[in-house]
Protein backbone atom coordinates (compact mmCIF):
# COMPACT_ATOMS: atom_id res chain seq x y z
CA MET A 1 -0.10 -0.18 -0.12
CA SER A 2 2.77 2.60 0.69
CA THR A 3 4.32 2.25 -3.03
CA LEU A 4 0.57 2.20 -4.47
CA ASN A 5 -0.38 5.85 -2.60
CA PRO A 6 2.55 7.62 -4.20
CA LEU A 7 1.55 6.22 -7.66
CA LYS A 8 -2.02 6.73 -7.27
CA ASN A 9 -1.32 10.19 -6.51
CA LYS A 10 0.85 10.82 -9.31
CA HIS A 11 -1.66 9.35 -11.58
CA ASP A 12 -4.56 11.83 -10.26
CA ASN A 13 -2.03 14.77 -10.56
CA LEU A 14 -1.30 14.07 -13.87
CA TYR A 15 -5.02 13.94 -14.64
CA TYR A 16 -5.27 17.33 -12.80
CA SER A 17 -2.60 18.69 -14.78
CA LEU A 18 -4.21 17.59 -18.37
CA SER A 19 -7.45 19.56 -17.06
CA ILE A 20 -5.59 22.62 -16.41
CA PHE A 21 -4.51 22.82 -19.53
CA MET A 22 -7.94 21.84 -21.37
CA ASN A 23 -9.34 24.47 -19.70
CA LEU A 24 -6.98 27.09 -20.12
CA ASP A 25 -8.50 29.67 -22.39
CA VAL A 26 -7.34 33.49 -22.35
CA GLN A 27 -9.55 34.13 -25.35
CA ARG A 28 -13.06 32.57 -24.02
CA SER A 29 -14.48 35.60 -22.31
CA LEU A 30 -13.68 37.97 -25.10
CA PHE A 31 -13.84 36.23 -28.46
CA VAL A 32 -17.03 37.68 -29.32
CA LEU A 33 -15.65 41.14 -28.41
CA TYR A 34 -12.71 40.78 -30.61
CA LEU A 35 -15.15 39.43 -33.66
CA LEU A 36 -17.21 42.44 -33.12
CA GLN A 37 -14.42 44.95 -33.29
CA LEU A 38 -13.20 43.27 -36.38
CA GLY A 39 -16.65 44.24 -38.04
CA ILE A 40 -18.28 40.58 -38.13
CA THR A 41 -22.16 40.87 -36.96
CA GLN A 42 -23.88 39.02 -33.87
CA GLY A 43 -26.05 36.87 -36.68
CA GLU A 44 -22.63 35.92 -38.33
CA ILE A 45 -21.02 35.08 -34.84
CA GLY A 46 -23.97 33.06 -34.13
CA ILE A 47 -23.46 31.53 -37.54
CA LEU A 48 -19.47 31.09 -36.64
CA GLN A 49 -20.75 28.86 -33.60
CA SER A 50 -22.91 26.68 -35.23
CA PHE A 51 -20.18 25.82 -37.47
CA LEU A 52 -18.22 25.15 -34.41
CA PHE A 53 -20.77 22.62 -33.29
CA PHE A 54 -21.86 21.23 -36.17
CA SER A 55 -18.12 20.25 -37.19
CA SER A 56 -18.20 18.86 -33.58
CA VAL A 57 -20.98 16.85 -34.30
CA ALA A 58 -19.27 15.63 -37.66
CA LEU A 59 -16.40 14.33 -36.08
CA GLU A 60 -18.03 12.97 -32.48
CA ILE A 61 -18.55 9.63 -33.33
CA PRO A 62 -15.43 8.89 -35.50
CA SER A 63 -13.61 10.66 -32.46
CA GLY A 64 -14.86 8.59 -29.95
CA LEU A 65 -14.12 5.37 -32.30
CA LEU A 66 -10.37 6.61 -32.75
CA ALA A 67 -10.06 7.02 -28.94
CA ASP A 68 -11.44 3.67 -28.28
CA ARG A 69 -9.58 2.12 -31.16
CA TYR A 70 -6.24 3.66 -30.98
CA GLY A 71 -6.29 5.38 -27.91
CA ARG A 72 -7.61 8.23 -25.57
CA LYS A 73 -4.17 9.91 -25.51
CA CYS A 74 -3.73 9.76 -29.17
CA SER A 75 -7.21 11.33 -29.54
CA LEU A 76 -6.37 14.20 -26.76
CA ILE A 77 -3.38 15.31 -28.60
CA LEU A 78 -5.06 15.68 -32.02
CA GLY A 79 -7.61 17.87 -30.19
CA PHE A 80 -4.50 20.26 -28.71
CA LEU A 81 -2.47 20.56 -31.71
CA GLY A 82 -5.83 21.52 -33.79
CA LEU A 83 -7.08 24.10 -30.92
CA PHE A 84 -3.05 25.19 -31.53
CA ILE A 85 -3.45 25.93 -34.92
CA SER A 86 -6.73 27.69 -34.47
CA GLY A 87 -5.24 30.28 -32.43
CA ILE A 88 -2.70 31.07 -34.95
CA GLY A 89 -5.64 31.38 -37.61
CA PHE A 90 -7.23 34.04 -35.18
CA LEU A 91 -3.94 35.83 -35.38
CA LEU A 92 -3.77 35.66 -39.32
CA PHE A 93 -6.90 36.58 -40.47
CA SER A 94 -9.96 39.11 -39.86
CA SER A 95 -12.79 38.20 -42.36
CA PHE A 96 -15.93 35.73 -41.78
CA ILE A 97 -14.86 33.11 -44.56
CA PRO A 98 -11.72 32.46 -43.13
CA PHE A 99 -13.18 32.16 -39.05
CA ALA A 100 -15.46 30.04 -40.96
CA ILE A 101 -12.91 27.49 -41.65
CA ILE A 102 -11.28 28.36 -38.06
CA PHE A 103 -14.07 27.44 -36.48
CA CYS A 104 -14.68 24.29 -37.97
CA LEU A 105 -11.13 23.10 -37.02
CA PHE A 106 -12.20 24.27 -33.66
CA GLY A 107 -15.20 22.15 -33.30
CA ALA A 108 -13.40 19.25 -34.82
CA SER A 109 -10.68 19.84 -32.19
CA ILE A 110 -13.01 19.65 -29.55
CA ALA A 111 -14.57 16.59 -30.66
CA MET A 112 -11.15 14.83 -30.65
CA GLY A 113 -10.99 15.50 -26.55
CA SER A 114 -14.58 15.13 -26.07
CA GLY A 115 -14.98 12.11 -23.83
CA SER A 116 -11.54 10.82 -24.32
CA ASP A 117 -10.77 12.96 -21.29
CA ARG A 118 -13.26 11.11 -18.74
CA ALA A 119 -12.87 7.85 -20.47
CA LEU A 120 -9.19 7.93 -19.75
CA LEU A 121 -9.78 8.74 -16.33
CA TYR A 122 -12.59 5.87 -15.65
CA ASP A 123 -11.04 3.35 -17.56
CA ASN A 124 -7.75 4.02 -15.38
CA LEU A 125 -9.47 3.96 -12.04
CA LEU A 126 -11.25 0.57 -13.25
CA ALA A 127 -7.71 -0.83 -13.82
CA GLN A 128 -6.64 0.04 -10.45
CA HIS A 129 -10.14 -1.00 -8.84
CA ARG A 130 -10.95 2.74 -7.86
CA ALA A 131 -14.06 3.46 -10.22
CA GLU A 132 -15.73 4.29 -6.79
CA GLU A 133 -13.96 7.57 -6.93
CA TYR A 134 -14.72 8.74 -10.10
CA PRO A 135 -17.04 11.13 -8.89
CA LYS A 136 -14.53 12.57 -6.39
CA ILE A 137 -11.63 12.99 -8.73
CA LEU A 138 -13.74 14.02 -11.73
CA SER A 139 -15.43 16.79 -9.51
CA ARG A 140 -11.71 17.67 -8.58
CA ALA A 141 -10.74 18.17 -11.85
CA ARG A 142 -13.45 20.30 -12.88
CA ALA A 143 -13.11 22.22 -10.21
CA ILE A 144 -9.04 22.98 -10.89
CA GLY A 145 -10.31 22.96 -14.77
CA ALA A 146 -12.93 26.04 -13.55
CA ILE A 147 -10.16 28.02 -11.79
CA SER A 148 -8.02 27.38 -14.66
CA LEU A 149 -10.26 28.80 -16.91
CA GLY A 150 -11.62 31.59 -15.04
CA LEU A 151 -8.01 32.77 -14.11
CA SER A 152 -6.92 32.39 -17.74
CA MET A 153 -9.81 34.88 -18.86
CA LEU A 154 -8.79 37.22 -16.12
CA LEU A 155 -5.62 36.93 -17.65
CA GLY A 156 -7.17 37.51 -21.15
CA GLY A 157 -8.48 41.03 -19.66
CA VAL A 158 -5.34 42.08 -18.62
CA LEU A 159 -3.51 41.07 -21.80
CA GLN A 160 -5.80 42.64 -24.22
CA ASP A 161 -6.16 45.85 -21.85
CA THR A 162 -2.07 45.99 -21.29
CA TRP A 163 -0.76 44.89 -24.68
CA SER A 164 -3.14 43.70 -27.65
CA TRP A 165 -5.28 41.38 -28.93
CA ASN A 166 -2.51 39.48 -30.44
CA SER A 167 -1.09 38.73 -27.12
CA VAL A 168 -4.33 36.92 -26.17
CA TYR A 169 -4.22 34.59 -29.19
CA ILE A 170 -0.41 33.98 -28.63
CA CYS A 171 -1.01 32.83 -25.39
CA PHE A 172 -3.82 30.94 -26.41
CA ALA A 173 -2.04 28.99 -29.01
CA ALA A 174 0.72 28.60 -26.59
CA SER A 175 -1.13 27.07 -24.07
CA LYS A 176 -2.67 24.34 -26.20
CA LEU A 177 0.49 23.07 -27.75
CA ILE A 178 1.96 22.72 -23.95
CA GLY A 179 -1.21 20.92 -23.28
CA ALA A 180 -0.28 18.17 -25.79
CA VAL A 181 2.96 17.93 -24.35
CA VAL A 182 1.16 17.09 -21.18
CA VAL A 183 -0.75 14.88 -22.60
CA THR A 184 1.98 12.31 -23.38
CA PHE A 185 3.28 11.89 -19.57
CA ILE A 186 -0.51 10.42 -18.70
CA PRO A 187 -0.62 6.66 -18.47
CA GLU A 188 -3.32 4.73 -20.36
CA MET A 189 -3.90 1.59 -18.67
CA LYS A 190 -5.23 -1.33 -20.77
CA LEU A 191 -8.46 -3.21 -18.91
CA PRO A 192 -8.27 -7.04 -18.68
CA ALA A 193 -10.58 -9.15 -21.23
CA PHE A 194 -13.80 -8.37 -18.48
CA SER A 195 -15.51 -5.36 -18.07
CA LEU A 196 -15.94 -3.95 -14.63
CA ASN A 197 -18.63 -1.96 -13.49
CA LEU A 198 -19.50 -0.56 -10.17
CA ASN A 199 -22.49 -2.83 -9.46
CA LYS A 200 -19.83 -5.71 -8.63
CA LYS A 201 -20.87 -7.75 -12.00
CA SER A 202 -18.74 -8.74 -14.79
CA HIS A 203 -19.15 -8.68 -18.42
CA LYS A 204 -17.30 -10.73 -21.04
CA ILE A 205 -16.18 -8.01 -24.12
CA ASN A 206 -15.54 -9.97 -27.46
CA GLU A 207 -13.67 -7.83 -29.13
CA LYS A 208 -12.46 -10.01 -31.74
CA THR A 209 -15.93 -10.85 -33.29
CA LYS A 210 -17.48 -7.38 -33.01
CA GLY A 211 -15.78 -4.35 -33.84
CA HIS A 212 -16.36 -1.13 -31.80
CA LEU A 213 -18.85 0.55 -34.13
CA THR A 214 -20.85 -2.56 -34.40
CA SER A 215 -20.63 -2.76 -30.66
CA LEU A 216 -22.18 0.35 -30.16
CA ILE A 217 -24.73 0.18 -32.63
CA ASN A 218 -25.69 -2.87 -30.70
CA PHE A 219 -25.64 -1.16 -27.70
CA PHE A 220 -28.05 1.55 -28.64
CA ARG A 221 -30.03 -0.92 -30.18
CA SER A 222 -30.66 -2.93 -26.66
CA LYS A 223 -32.99 -1.12 -24.39
CA LYS A 224 -30.60 -0.14 -21.96
CA GLY A 225 -28.68 1.89 -24.58
CA ALA A 226 -32.02 3.73 -25.95
CA PHE A 227 -33.24 4.41 -22.52
CA LEU A 228 -29.84 6.72 -22.20
CA ILE A 229 -31.43 8.94 -25.37
CA PRO A 230 -33.71 10.86 -23.62
CA LEU A 231 -31.34 11.57 -21.03
CA PHE A 232 -28.75 13.27 -23.36
CA ILE A 233 -31.66 15.21 -25.06
CA GLY A 234 -32.92 16.40 -21.98
CA TYR A 235 -29.26 17.40 -20.73
CA ALA A 236 -28.62 19.23 -23.96
CA LEU A 237 -31.82 21.48 -23.46
CA PHE A 238 -30.35 22.28 -19.94
CA GLU A 239 -27.06 23.14 -21.37
CA LEU A 240 -29.10 25.19 -23.89
CA SER A 241 -29.94 27.65 -21.24
CA THR A 242 -25.99 28.33 -20.30
CA ILE A 243 -23.85 27.61 -23.16
CA PRO A 244 -25.30 30.30 -25.71
CA LEU A 245 -25.94 32.70 -22.84
CA PHE A 246 -22.49 32.40 -21.82
CA ILE A 247 -20.95 33.43 -25.17
CA TYR A 248 -23.83 36.14 -25.85
CA GLY A 249 -23.14 37.61 -22.15
CA GLN A 250 -20.21 39.66 -23.12
CA PRO A 251 -22.42 42.04 -25.70
CA PHE A 252 -25.13 41.96 -23.20
CA PHE A 253 -22.59 43.17 -20.24
CA SER A 254 -21.12 45.43 -22.74
CA MET A 255 -24.56 47.20 -23.59
CA GLN A 256 -24.78 48.08 -19.81
CA GLY A 257 -21.72 49.84 -20.32
CA LEU A 258 -19.08 47.39 -18.49
CA GLU A 259 -15.47 47.47 -19.93
CA VAL A 260 -13.56 44.58 -21.24
CA PRO A 261 -11.82 44.01 -17.68
CA ILE A 262 -14.55 44.10 -15.92
CA ILE A 263 -16.35 41.42 -17.88
CA ALA A 264 -13.51 39.57 -17.90
CA GLY A 265 -13.56 39.47 -14.46
CA ILE A 266 -17.22 38.58 -14.28
CA TYR A 267 -16.33 35.42 -16.17
CA ALA A 268 -13.49 34.74 -13.61
CA ALA A 269 -15.98 35.12 -10.76
CA VAL A 270 -17.93 32.70 -13.02
CA GLU A 271 -15.49 29.88 -12.79
CA ALA A 272 -14.31 30.66 -9.39
CA LEU A 273 -17.61 29.92 -8.30
CA SER A 274 -18.22 26.89 -10.67
CA ALA A 275 -14.93 25.37 -9.09
CA LEU A 276 -16.76 25.58 -5.51
CA MET A 277 -19.80 24.01 -6.99
CA PHE A 278 -17.48 21.06 -8.27
CA MET A 279 -15.77 20.52 -5.70
CA ALA A 280 -19.65 19.99 -3.68
CA ALA A 281 -20.66 18.03 -6.39
CA GLY A 282 -18.74 14.62 -5.05
CA PHE A 283 -20.76 15.47 -2.04
CA PHE A 284 -24.23 15.92 -3.45
CA CYS A 285 -23.75 13.11 -6.29
CA SER A 286 -22.91 10.63 -3.32
CA ARG A 287 -26.19 11.31 -1.61
CA PHE A 288 -28.75 12.33 -4.19
CA SER A 289 -29.86 10.87 -6.94
CA LEU A 290 -29.48 12.41 -10.58
CA GLY A 291 -33.54 12.92 -10.51
CA ILE A 292 -33.51 15.16 -7.45
CA ILE A 293 -30.16 16.79 -8.57
CA ALA A 294 -31.59 17.64 -12.49
CA PHE A 295 -34.67 18.28 -11.04
CA SER A 296 -33.81 21.04 -8.56
CA THR A 297 -31.20 22.14 -10.84
CA THR A 298 -33.16 22.96 -13.35
CA LEU A 299 -35.91 24.98 -11.42
CA ILE A 300 -33.38 27.12 -10.25
CA ALA A 301 -31.85 27.79 -13.56
CA THR A 302 -35.38 28.60 -15.18
CA PHE A 303 -36.12 30.94 -12.48
CA LEU A 304 -32.54 32.84 -12.74
CA LEU A 305 -33.22 33.11 -16.69
CA PHE A 306 -36.59 35.04 -15.90
CA ILE A 307 -34.80 37.25 -13.30
CA LEU A 308 -32.25 38.02 -15.73
CA SER A 309 -34.80 38.50 -18.85
CA LEU A 310 -36.50 41.55 -16.56
CA ASN A 311 -32.91 43.71 -16.68
CA ILE A 312 -33.63 44.91 -13.25
CA GLY A 313 -30.19 46.35 -12.77
CA THR A 314 -26.52 45.62 -13.34
CA THR A 315 -26.11 44.01 -10.16
CA THR A 316 -28.95 41.78 -10.33
CA SER A 317 -28.07 40.75 -13.92
CA VAL A 318 -24.49 39.79 -12.72
CA ALA A 319 -25.48 37.87 -9.70
CA SER A 320 -28.30 35.93 -11.60
CA PHE A 321 -25.40 35.21 -14.47
CA LEU A 322 -22.83 33.91 -12.12
CA LEU A 323 -25.50 31.75 -10.51
CA ILE A 324 -26.58 30.34 -13.84
CA MET A 325 -23.00 29.59 -14.92
CA SER A 326 -22.13 27.80 -12.27
CA LEU A 327 -25.12 25.95 -10.92
CA PRO A 328 -24.69 23.12 -13.95
CA ALA A 329 -21.63 21.93 -12.55
CA ILE A 330 -23.54 19.65 -9.85
CA TYR A 331 -25.87 18.30 -12.67
CA GLU A 332 -23.03 17.90 -14.79
CA THR A 333 -20.75 15.72 -12.66
CA SER A 334 -23.96 13.42 -11.64
CA TYR A 335 -25.24 13.27 -15.39
CA GLU A 336 -21.47 11.72 -16.19
CA THR A 337 -21.65 9.52 -13.58
CA TYR A 338 -24.75 7.88 -14.38
CA ILE A 339 -23.69 7.40 -17.83
CA HIS A 340 -20.45 5.55 -16.74
CA ASP A 341 -22.68 3.41 -14.80
CA ASN A 342 -24.97 2.32 -17.65
CA ILE A 343 -21.96 1.55 -20.13
CA GLU A 344 -18.91 -0.74 -20.62
CA SER A 345 -15.39 -0.01 -20.74
CA HIS A 346 -14.72 -0.87 -24.58
CA ILE A 347 -17.13 1.60 -25.92
CA ARG A 348 -16.89 4.06 -23.45
CA ALA A 349 -15.33 6.96 -25.07
CA SER A 350 -17.62 5.91 -28.15
CA CYS A 351 -20.64 5.96 -26.08
CA LEU A 352 -19.47 9.44 -24.44
CA SER A 353 -19.31 10.82 -28.23
CA VAL A 354 -22.91 10.20 -28.90
CA ALA A 355 -24.05 12.07 -25.74
CA ASN A 356 -21.76 15.23 -26.83
CA LEU A 357 -23.31 14.34 -30.40
CA VAL A 358 -26.79 14.71 -29.21
CA ASN A 359 -25.44 17.64 -27.15
CA SER A 360 -23.87 19.58 -29.99
CA VAL A 361 -26.47 19.15 -32.57
CA ILE A 362 -28.80 21.26 -29.90
CA ILE A 363 -26.73 23.45 -28.98
CA GLY A 364 -25.58 24.16 -32.63
CA ILE A 365 -28.72 24.77 -33.96
CA SER A 366 -29.48 27.27 -30.64
CA TYR A 367 -26.68 29.29 -31.37
CA THR A 368 -28.22 30.38 -34.82
CA VAL A 369 -31.80 30.65 -33.06
CA PHE A 370 -30.38 32.72 -30.05
CA GLY A 371 -28.24 35.24 -32.53
CA GLY A 372 -31.43 35.51 -34.73
CA LEU A 373 -33.73 35.81 -31.52
CA LEU A 374 -31.49 38.90 -30.30
CA ASP A 375 -31.17 40.45 -33.66
CA ALA A 376 -35.50 40.19 -33.92
CA TYR A 377 -36.62 40.42 -30.00
CA GLY A 378 -33.72 41.68 -28.20
CA PHE A 379 -32.34 39.96 -24.50
CA SER A 380 -35.50 39.90 -22.91
CA VAL A 381 -37.77 37.68 -25.08
CA THR A 382 -34.93 35.60 -26.10
CA LEU A 383 -34.44 34.38 -22.23
CA ILE A 384 -37.56 33.82 -21.50
CA ILE A 385 -37.65 31.66 -24.60
CA VAL A 386 -34.68 29.85 -23.08
CA ALA A 387 -36.00 29.56 -19.84
CA VAL A 388 -38.81 27.42 -21.13
CA SER A 389 -36.65 25.28 -23.22
CA CYS A 390 -34.49 24.79 -20.10
CA PHE A 391 -37.79 23.46 -18.03
CA VAL A 392 -38.52 21.06 -20.94
CA GLY A 393 -35.45 19.25 -20.83
CA LEU A 394 -36.94 17.81 -17.59
CA LEU A 395 -38.94 15.33 -19.66
CA GLY A 396 -36.41 13.72 -21.19
CA VAL A 397 -34.32 13.02 -17.82
CA SER A 398 -37.52 11.56 -16.35
CA THR A 399 -38.13 9.26 -19.59
CA THR A 400 -34.78 7.95 -18.91
CA LEU A 401 -34.87 7.46 -15.10
CA LEU A 402 -38.47 6.35 -14.85
CA SER A 403 -37.54 3.54 -17.95
CA SER A 404 -34.53 2.43 -17.34
CA GLY A 405 -34.34 1.47 -13.83
CA GLN A 406 -33.25 4.04 -11.41
CA LYS A 407 -33.69 1.93 -8.59
CA ASP A 408 -30.64 -0.10 -9.03
CA HIS A 409 -28.77 3.43 -9.47
CA LEU A 410 -30.29 4.40 -6.28
CA LYS A 411 -29.38 1.31 -4.36
CA LYS A 412 -25.79 1.86 -5.61
CA GLN A 413 -26.15 5.55 -4.14
CA GLU A 414 -26.87 4.35 -0.89
CA ALA A 415 -24.82 1.48 -0.54
């Protein structure tokens, strides 16, 4: 045990380091303002964001299959390198068409890393017989990632205000190149020929007779896999209430007269609060079911979106925005843990890619719709529509939990 603990801590720390560089993003809170000052309209920005998400959609399944077939580290490295090239592209171009290509590459790069990091973590823990620690380690990694993102966004505001926009994107590109190097130091443990799961049952994996794609298709044709689809849709509708708002919150606060460093500070505060929520997520997920967590966070987010739509003051708007952006940390941790509990290791990254595919399709559509609604009706009406969509997402979550045997999941949580 004395030799195992230092090795265990080393592996955990390497994963935490990966989370830092995956989330380092000095341009995240500013890129809309950057594009606007180049002359690109909000409607065009919505289209660019749709390009990003639809390119992510196009590679979600292939990237998951690649990660399962050739290794999660390979997929992660390709993702980091794609982000590095995208950062260089922001420095070189200033018109819509080149940015359409850049955003497509950006989305494809996100797809390459999407799910691979969590699949790598979960299977490494399975190999070490530590799968029950997944929610705790994931929540810590997400907290570290949130802090990393918050500090980097704050740094982005300082870089832009002190030097130039170019310094922001040079820093972004450099951080992604370093991230690719960090991945090479993380171990990728191979599992035995049996699929381990948290219900203490083993299932033989016949990889010789079934390819990864065939296994994936057969899983989602089964009752167990099919019942996950409504959950994916329901969670995506919840994400629809936060992700587009995260982007369009930049011009929202700019319209209220806030300067760039202040806006960057607000986004940094979002990540600081999200870090606290992620730290609390392990506690909540070990004591409450996904149903309770989904219902609670959705009701709170819907109410806060309505408050934000009233635009009753900058202070109230900032406070509502902070809570809307940070509360999903608990929901996300519970959602991902539930998925891992119901899928097998040899198709883990691919299944996560399917979940991300559903998410990307819905969010990709929402960016264009969100931008169009903003141009036509303004923020208040748009936020009310988003609040209704967020609440509707509970139908999908309820369908999965009521149909696919949540009782077994609850027994595991209570054990």
